[in-house]
Amino acid sequence: MLNDTRRLERHPLLCTLCGQEIVPGEEYWYCSGNCVCRACLPSFARAELAPYRQTRGKEERL
């Protein structure tokens, strides 16, 4: 029989990129299976959007 007063184990939510814990109440982004904290969002977004990057004057013509 289980003890009703036993506390459930909590697993911390960690940023996939930096490994820091994302605490309750803190914003984070879940994208493509990654949990990303606020500090890592800019570099994550750059990496995710890299295939769509263009350089003015060097665009490929369709």
Foldseek 3Di string as FASTA:
>chain_A
DDDPPDDDDDDFDAFPPPGDTQDPPADWDQDPNGTHHPVCVVVVVCVVCVVVDDDPPPDDDD
